[in-house]
Each structure stands twice: as structure tokens, then as C-alpha cells.
Amino acid sequence: MIKVVLKRKVEEWLSSITDPHLVELLKKNIIVTGGSIVSMLLKEKVKDFDVYFRTKEVAKAVADYYVALFKKNPPSRFVPGYRKGDDIPITVEEFVDWRANERIRINIKSAGIASSQGTSDYQYFEQNLDPETNDAGEYVDQAIQVAEDEAKADVAEKFRPVFLSANAIMLTDKMQLVIRFWGEPEEIHKNYDFVHCTCWWDSATGKLELPAEALKAILTKELRYVGSLYPVCSIIRTRKFVQRGWYINAGQFLKMIFQCGQLELTNLKVLEDQLTGVDAAYFTEVINKLREKMETEDAKTIDQTYLMEIIDRIF
């Protein structure tokens, strides 16, 4: 049943894409993994379907397509300095991270979230939220609500981009396209943390893989940390699972803490990379404040005392 749902969802999404070359690229290069399969196994409501891609070229093509689509129908009201009709400064960039890995990101220099009518007053793009008044999770929830309302009202095209971040593109109809990582499932899962998230479905073969250890963790709702390139993110992410009724023992925290100890977190690039994707509004502001101070003082490493001070101020 899960294979049928995923196959139908992906086919429906592909049918909404107007670029035939992109559709052909995607047909054999989609990996669905993460929370949607877990939710279906637990017979819970699926929040969204996380879609990854096999190659950098496909991920870049997807990002280019949806950024262009989003820019064609921007919101009617912009943050100060922009007017309707102005070109929104969004670009898709290729870069090399501190580990020397090739990456893709959406670079956004304004803020907001667009509705199908182009009349939403919501801000969009999590990077520019005001940490004094807004919460990143609330913004994402607003984006999801806009998508659901539009789908119910049937006023939007299917699978329309409604929310962009540096790492992912959220579409209506519960689709999230992740551009930060790509590769075969085992390569993608190197960036994951908990074993229950490692079930996957392959568009090329229709294969659904349900690892035994993942099924065991899902049945018991136990968080088992299997190692990740992003242990800082994993520690912070643990909160949401605990809030949903999952259990984690102290040993799993020790695994994450030990991996954190291998990181040079006083290096701003390393810390920024580790915090990507969690509490984006707050941590983006933390990183910005650290960068400003380090540039002013020509410092090479993060001042721990100042870090503690701005965290208490922002959070």
C-alpha cells in the first residue's frame, strides 16, 4: 500500500511539471525517504513527502525550475525596499562546504511567503524572520496552512512552490524537495541521524526498502542514533520527537555529544553548517551577530562568552 501511495504521489507531481526534459530526468532519479514512510507505517497523517535526488545535476535542475516558477508569481507586498514588479533577488548557487563537499543552495536576499493570489502579507523565507517577534516553526506552519487552504479552495495549480529555504522547496500538496544533499539512499542517509528515518522508496525500480532496525525503532518509538554528519542539528531535532511521544536513552545523547566533540565549533563556517535547518530564524540571527563581531575584530574563532550572551538575548 505504501508503494502505491508513493508511486501515485510522485506521478501526480511529475504530471504538474511543464518541462518534459526535467520530467524525464526525474523519473529515474527520485528517492523518497524520511518521515512520510514512518507516518504511513504508524498509520499517522503524513505531514509532507521528502523527496531527494540521485545526482547534483537533477537537484540543480529542480531548484532552477521552481525558483523561476516562484518568481513569476511573487507576493503583492514586499519587505521594505521592494515593490510589486521588482525582480526578487533569488538565485540558485553551487558552492563547496567546509568539508570540501559540493553543495547547492537557494540564496535569498529578501523575505516572504507567496499565496496563489499573490496577496499574502506573510513574510517569506525563514532567513529574515525577526527573532524578537517571530518563530521559525510558526512561519513554516503558516506556509503549510496556505498550501492546504489553496488546495481545498482549488485556486492554485497542483504542486505550486509556496516556501523556499536555502536547503529545500516546499510545494502545495505536501511535497518537500530537498536540494541540499543527493545520491543513492545510503549516501543520503549519511546526513541522517536516527535509524527510524532510513526507510526509502526508489522511483526507478519502485522498490520500498524497510530496514529491520528501522522497523524495530518505529514499532517501539525509540530514537536510535546511527551517526550523522550533523550531530548538533540532531541534538536539537530530538526535542520534536520527544514531544511526539518518542523515547531516547542517555546513551544516544552520548553518541551525539561525542560526535560534536570531533567538530571545530569555534569555526563559524562549521557552526553555521551544523545549525542549518533547525530553528532557522533564531540561529541565523546568532550566526549573523557572530559574523559581524568577528569581522569587526578580525577574529578567526568564535568568542564563547559572546556566543552565550547573544543566545540568551535572542532565545
Protein backbone atom coordinates (compact mmCIF):
# COMPACT_ATOMS: atom_id res chain seq x y z
CA MET A 1 0.00 0.00 0.00
CA ILE A 2 2.85 2.40 0.86
CA LYS A 3 4.46 1.77 -2.53
CA VAL A 4 1.15 2.52 -4.26
CA VAL A 5 0.73 5.80 -2.36
CA LEU A 6 4.30 6.94 -3.10
CA LYS A 7 4.15 5.95 -6.77
CA ARG A 8 0.82 7.75 -7.24
CA LYS A 9 2.05 10.85 -5.42
CA VAL A 10 5.24 11.11 -7.46
CA GLU A 11 3.43 10.51 -10.76
CA GLU A 12 0.89 13.21 -9.88
CA TRP A 13 3.72 15.62 -9.06
CA LEU A 14 5.59 14.85 -12.29
CA SER A 15 2.44 15.46 -14.31
CA SER A 16 2.40 19.05 -13.00
CA ILE A 17 5.88 19.86 -14.40
CA THR A 18 5.77 21.61 -17.77
CA ASP A 19 9.39 20.93 -18.73
CA PRO A 20 9.47 17.48 -20.44
CA HIS A 21 13.25 17.23 -20.18
CA LEU A 22 13.10 17.72 -16.41
CA VAL A 23 10.34 15.11 -16.12
CA GLU A 24 12.50 12.56 -17.94
CA LEU A 25 15.43 13.37 -15.66
CA LEU A 26 13.29 12.93 -12.58
CA LYS A 27 11.59 9.64 -13.45
CA LYS A 28 14.62 7.55 -12.53
CA ASN A 29 16.29 9.87 -10.05
CA ILE A 30 13.86 10.30 -7.15
CA ILE A 31 14.35 8.89 -3.66
CA VAL A 32 11.55 9.35 -1.13
CA THR A 33 12.75 8.83 2.43
CA GLY A 34 12.27 10.17 5.94
CA GLY A 35 9.14 10.87 7.93
CA SER A 36 6.40 10.17 5.39
CA ILE A 37 7.12 6.43 5.30
CA VAL A 38 7.34 6.35 9.11
CA SER A 39 3.97 8.10 9.37
CA MET A 40 2.34 5.62 7.00
CA LEU A 41 3.77 2.66 8.89
CA LEU A 42 2.37 4.13 12.12
CA LYS A 43 -0.94 4.92 10.37
CA GLU A 44 -0.49 8.59 11.17
CA LYS A 45 -1.22 11.60 8.96
CA VAL A 46 1.65 12.41 6.59
CA LYS A 47 2.87 15.97 7.10
CA ASP A 48 4.86 16.03 3.87
CA PHE A 49 6.76 13.78 1.47
CA ASP A 50 10.52 14.42 1.49
CA VAL A 51 11.96 13.99 -1.99
CA TYR A 52 15.69 13.67 -2.69
CA PHE A 53 17.56 13.29 -5.96
CA ARG A 54 20.25 10.94 -7.20
CA THR A 55 22.56 13.50 -8.78
CA LYS A 56 23.69 17.06 -8.37
CA GLU A 57 22.55 17.84 -11.91
CA VAL A 58 18.97 16.78 -11.17
CA ALA A 59 18.87 18.65 -7.85
CA LYS A 60 20.14 21.81 -9.58
CA ALA A 61 17.61 21.46 -12.41
CA VAL A 62 14.76 21.10 -9.91
CA ALA A 63 15.92 24.15 -7.94
CA ASP A 64 16.23 26.26 -11.09
CA TYR A 65 12.77 25.23 -12.28
CA TYR A 66 10.92 26.03 -9.06
CA VAL A 67 12.80 29.25 -8.28
CA ALA A 68 11.84 30.53 -11.74
CA LEU A 69 8.24 29.40 -11.19
CA PHE A 70 8.07 31.14 -7.82
CA LYS A 71 9.50 34.38 -9.17
CA LYS A 72 6.84 34.52 -11.88
CA ASN A 73 4.13 34.94 -9.26
CA PRO A 74 5.59 36.79 -6.27
CA PRO A 75 3.54 38.18 -3.39
CA SER A 76 1.97 41.59 -3.95
CA ARG A 77 3.60 43.16 -0.91
CA PHE A 78 7.31 43.07 -0.24
CA VAL A 79 9.51 43.83 2.72
CA PRO A 80 10.67 47.48 2.80
CA GLY A 81 12.71 48.36 -0.27
CA TYR A 82 10.80 46.20 -2.76
CA ARG A 83 7.74 46.94 -4.83
CA LYS A 84 5.46 44.70 -6.84
CA GLY A 85 7.04 44.15 -10.23
CA ASP A 86 10.60 44.25 -8.88
CA ASP A 87 12.71 41.20 -9.54
CA ILE A 88 13.05 39.18 -6.34
CA PRO A 89 16.77 38.54 -5.76
CA ILE A 90 16.73 34.75 -5.51
CA THR A 91 19.48 32.68 -7.06
CA VAL A 92 20.46 29.01 -7.13
CA GLU A 93 24.12 28.67 -6.21
CA GLU A 94 26.67 25.90 -6.28
CA PHE A 95 29.33 26.00 -3.58
CA VAL A 96 31.85 23.86 -1.69
CA ASP A 97 31.24 23.44 2.04
CA TRP A 98 33.87 23.30 4.79
CA ARG A 99 34.22 19.54 4.27
CA ALA A 100 35.03 20.16 0.59
CA ASN A 101 31.69 18.63 -0.45
CA GLU A 102 29.83 20.07 -3.42
CA ARG A 103 26.51 21.61 -2.40
CA ILE A 104 23.58 23.56 -3.86
CA ARG A 105 21.60 26.23 -2.07
CA ILE A 106 18.93 28.80 -2.78
CA ASN A 107 20.32 32.20 -1.94
CA ILE A 108 17.59 34.58 -0.81
CA LYS A 109 18.08 38.29 -0.14
CA SER A 110 14.54 39.23 0.89
CA ALA A 111 11.77 37.60 2.88
CA GLY A 112 8.26 36.27 2.43
CA ILE A 113 5.77 33.58 1.57
CA ALA A 114 3.55 33.73 -1.50
CA SER A 115 -0.08 32.72 -1.77
CA SER A 116 -1.75 31.64 -5.01
CA GLN A 117 -3.48 35.04 -5.27
CA GLY A 118 -0.25 36.94 -4.77
CA THR A 119 -1.90 38.92 -1.96
CA SER A 120 -0.42 37.37 1.14
CA ASP A 121 1.10 39.68 3.71
CA TYR A 122 3.09 36.87 5.25
CA GLN A 123 6.83 37.24 5.14
CA TYR A 124 8.58 34.52 3.24
CA PHE A 125 11.95 32.83 3.52
CA GLU A 126 12.95 31.87 7.03
CA GLN A 127 16.33 33.61 6.94
CA ASN A 128 14.90 37.08 7.61
CA LEU A 129 12.46 36.42 10.41
CA ASP A 130 12.62 38.84 13.30
CA PRO A 131 13.77 36.76 16.28
CA GLU A 132 12.23 39.26 18.67
CA THR A 133 8.70 38.61 17.41
CA ASN A 134 8.58 35.53 15.19
CA ASP A 135 9.25 31.82 15.44
CA ALA A 136 10.64 29.83 12.50
CA GLY A 137 8.35 26.90 13.17
CA GLU A 138 5.33 29.22 13.08
CA TYR A 139 6.40 30.54 9.68
CA VAL A 140 6.69 27.06 8.25
CA ASP A 141 3.29 26.20 9.73
CA GLN A 142 1.85 29.28 8.00
CA ALA A 143 3.33 28.12 4.71
CA ILE A 144 1.76 24.70 5.14
CA GLN A 145 -1.59 26.24 6.06
CA VAL A 146 -1.52 28.44 2.96
CA ALA A 147 -0.80 25.36 0.86
CA GLU A 148 -3.64 23.39 2.44
CA ASP A 149 -6.13 26.26 2.14
CA GLU A 150 -5.28 26.77 -1.50
CA ALA A 151 -5.64 23.07 -2.23
CA LYS A 152 -9.07 22.96 -0.56
CA ALA A 153 -10.22 26.08 -2.38
CA ASP A 154 -8.84 24.72 -5.66
CA VAL A 155 -7.41 28.14 -6.50
CA ALA A 156 -3.85 27.07 -7.14
CA GLU A 157 -2.11 24.82 -9.60
CA LYS A 158 -1.13 21.50 -8.13
CA PHE A 159 2.33 21.34 -6.60
CA ARG A 160 2.94 25.07 -6.63
CA PRO A 161 6.01 26.39 -4.73
CA VAL A 162 4.90 28.20 -1.58
CA PHE A 163 8.00 28.28 0.61
CA LEU A 164 11.71 28.43 -0.19
CA SER A 165 14.68 27.98 2.10
CA ALA A 166 18.37 27.55 1.41
CA ASN A 167 18.01 23.77 1.50
CA ALA A 168 14.54 22.87 0.31
CA ILE A 169 11.47 23.84 -1.69
CA MET A 170 8.02 23.31 -0.23
CA LEU A 171 5.19 22.72 -2.68
CA THR A 172 1.47 22.55 -2.19
CA ASP A 173 0.08 19.02 -1.89
CA LYS A 174 2.55 18.08 0.85
CA MET A 175 5.73 17.84 -1.22
CA GLN A 176 9.13 18.99 0.01
CA LEU A 177 12.04 18.87 -2.43
CA VAL A 178 15.41 18.68 -0.70
CA ILE A 179 18.32 20.10 -2.69
CA ARG A 180 20.99 20.17 0.00
CA PHE A 181 22.02 16.51 -0.48
CA TRP A 182 21.82 13.99 -3.27
CA GLY A 183 22.97 10.47 -4.07
CA GLU A 184 21.90 6.88 -3.59
CA PRO A 185 19.90 6.15 -0.41
CA GLU A 186 22.94 5.03 1.57
CA GLU A 187 24.71 8.28 0.65
CA ILE A 188 21.71 10.43 1.55
CA HIS A 189 21.35 8.65 4.89
CA LYS A 190 24.89 9.64 5.91
CA ASN A 191 23.31 13.03 6.56
CA TYR A 192 20.52 11.46 8.65
CA ASP A 193 20.66 10.72 12.34
CA PHE A 194 18.01 8.30 13.63
CA VAL A 195 17.58 4.82 12.24
CA HIS A 196 13.78 5.01 12.01
CA CYS A 197 14.13 7.61 9.22
CA THR A 198 16.11 5.30 6.91
CA CYS A 199 13.23 3.61 5.07
CA TRP A 200 13.17 4.61 1.40
CA TRP A 201 11.41 4.24 -1.96
CA ASP A 202 13.10 4.41 -5.38
CA SER A 203 11.26 5.85 -8.39
CA ALA A 204 13.48 3.98 -10.85
CA THR A 205 12.65 0.49 -9.58
CA GLY A 206 9.58 1.01 -7.40
CA LYS A 207 11.47 -0.70 -4.58
CA LEU A 208 10.44 0.05 -0.99
CA GLU A 209 13.21 -0.67 1.49
CA LEU A 210 12.24 -1.16 5.15
CA PRO A 211 15.40 -1.99 7.15
CA ALA A 212 14.80 -4.29 10.09
CA GLU A 213 16.42 -1.91 12.57
CA ALA A 214 14.25 0.94 11.32
CA LEU A 215 11.08 -1.13 11.72
CA LYS A 216 12.08 -2.13 15.25
CA ALA A 217 12.63 1.51 16.22
CA ILE A 218 9.34 2.56 14.63
CA LEU A 219 7.35 -0.14 16.44
CA THR A 220 8.83 0.84 19.82
CA LYS A 221 9.04 4.60 19.00
CA GLU A 222 12.62 4.60 20.24
CA LEU A 223 15.21 7.02 18.90
CA ARG A 224 18.37 5.14 17.95
CA TYR A 225 21.19 7.39 16.80
CA VAL A 226 23.24 5.87 14.00
CA GLY A 227 25.69 8.72 13.46
CA SER A 228 25.35 11.79 11.29
CA LEU A 229 27.42 14.50 9.64
CA TYR A 230 25.25 16.95 11.62
CA PRO A 231 25.20 15.89 15.30
CA VAL A 232 24.48 19.42 16.59
CA CYS A 233 21.36 19.51 14.44
CA SER A 234 20.46 16.02 15.69
CA ILE A 235 20.57 17.02 19.35
CA ILE A 236 18.26 19.96 18.69
CA ARG A 237 15.94 17.88 16.49
CA THR A 238 15.49 15.39 19.32
CA ARG A 239 13.08 17.80 21.02
CA LYS A 240 10.40 17.42 18.35
CA PHE A 241 10.46 13.62 18.53
CA VAL A 242 10.19 13.61 22.31
CA GLN A 243 7.22 15.98 22.03
CA ARG A 244 5.60 13.43 19.71
CA GLY A 245 5.98 10.62 22.22
CA TRP A 246 9.28 9.05 21.15
CA TYR A 247 11.76 7.74 23.74
CA ILE A 248 15.53 8.24 23.81
CA ASN A 249 18.03 6.85 26.28
CA ALA A 250 21.08 8.64 27.67
CA GLY A 251 23.46 6.57 25.56
CA GLN A 252 22.08 8.01 22.34
CA PHE A 253 22.78 11.52 23.63
CA LEU A 254 26.35 10.47 24.44
CA LYS A 255 26.81 9.30 20.84
CA MET A 256 25.72 12.70 19.55
CA ILE A 257 27.82 14.59 22.10
CA PHE A 258 30.88 12.53 21.21
CA GLN A 259 30.47 13.36 17.53
CA CYS A 260 30.00 17.03 18.39
CA GLY A 261 33.36 16.83 20.16
CA GLN A 262 35.02 15.99 16.86
CA LEU A 263 33.83 19.26 15.33
CA GLU A 264 35.64 22.57 15.41
CA LEU A 265 32.60 24.52 16.55
CA THR A 266 34.62 27.69 17.17
CA ASN A 267 34.93 27.85 13.37
CA LEU A 268 31.99 29.95 12.16
CA LYS A 269 31.59 28.01 8.90
CA VAL A 270 31.39 24.72 10.81
CA LEU A 271 28.87 26.04 13.33
CA GLU A 272 26.71 27.60 10.61
CA ASP A 273 26.70 24.34 8.66
CA GLN A 274 25.75 22.36 11.75
CA LEU A 275 22.82 24.65 12.54
CA THR A 276 21.33 24.70 9.06
CA GLY A 277 17.72 23.54 9.07
CA VAL A 278 16.93 23.88 12.77
CA ASP A 279 15.22 26.92 14.34
CA ALA A 280 16.41 28.81 11.29
CA ALA A 281 15.22 32.28 12.27
CA TYR A 282 16.91 32.28 15.65
CA PHE A 283 20.13 30.58 14.67
CA THR A 284 20.52 32.65 11.50
CA GLU A 285 20.44 35.71 13.72
CA VAL A 286 23.02 34.14 16.06
CA ILE A 287 25.34 33.42 13.11
CA ASN A 288 24.86 36.95 11.73
CA LYS A 289 25.77 38.53 15.08
CA LEU A 290 28.84 36.30 15.41
CA ARG A 291 29.95 37.14 11.88
CA GLU A 292 29.54 40.88 12.46
CA LYS A 293 31.64 40.77 15.63
CA MET A 294 34.33 38.57 14.10
CA GLU A 295 34.63 40.83 11.05
CA THR A 296 34.81 43.95 13.24
CA GLU A 297 37.54 42.45 15.42
CA ASP A 298 39.21 40.47 12.60
CA ALA A 299 38.82 37.38 14.80
CA LYS A 300 39.47 33.85 13.50
CA THR A 301 37.41 31.91 16.03
CA ILE A 302 34.12 32.37 17.87
CA ASP A 303 34.20 34.11 21.25
CA GLN A 304 32.40 31.68 23.58
CA THR A 305 31.39 34.38 26.08
CA TYR A 306 29.82 36.48 23.34
CA LEU A 307 28.06 33.39 21.91
CA MET A 308 26.44 32.71 25.29
CA GLU A 309 25.39 36.34 25.56
CA ILE A 310 23.68 36.56 22.17
CA ILE A 311 21.97 33.18 22.62
CA ASP A 312 20.41 34.40 25.88
CA ARG A 313 19.42 37.65 24.17
CA ILE A 314 17.87 36.05 21.10
CA PHE A 315 16.24 32.99 22.65
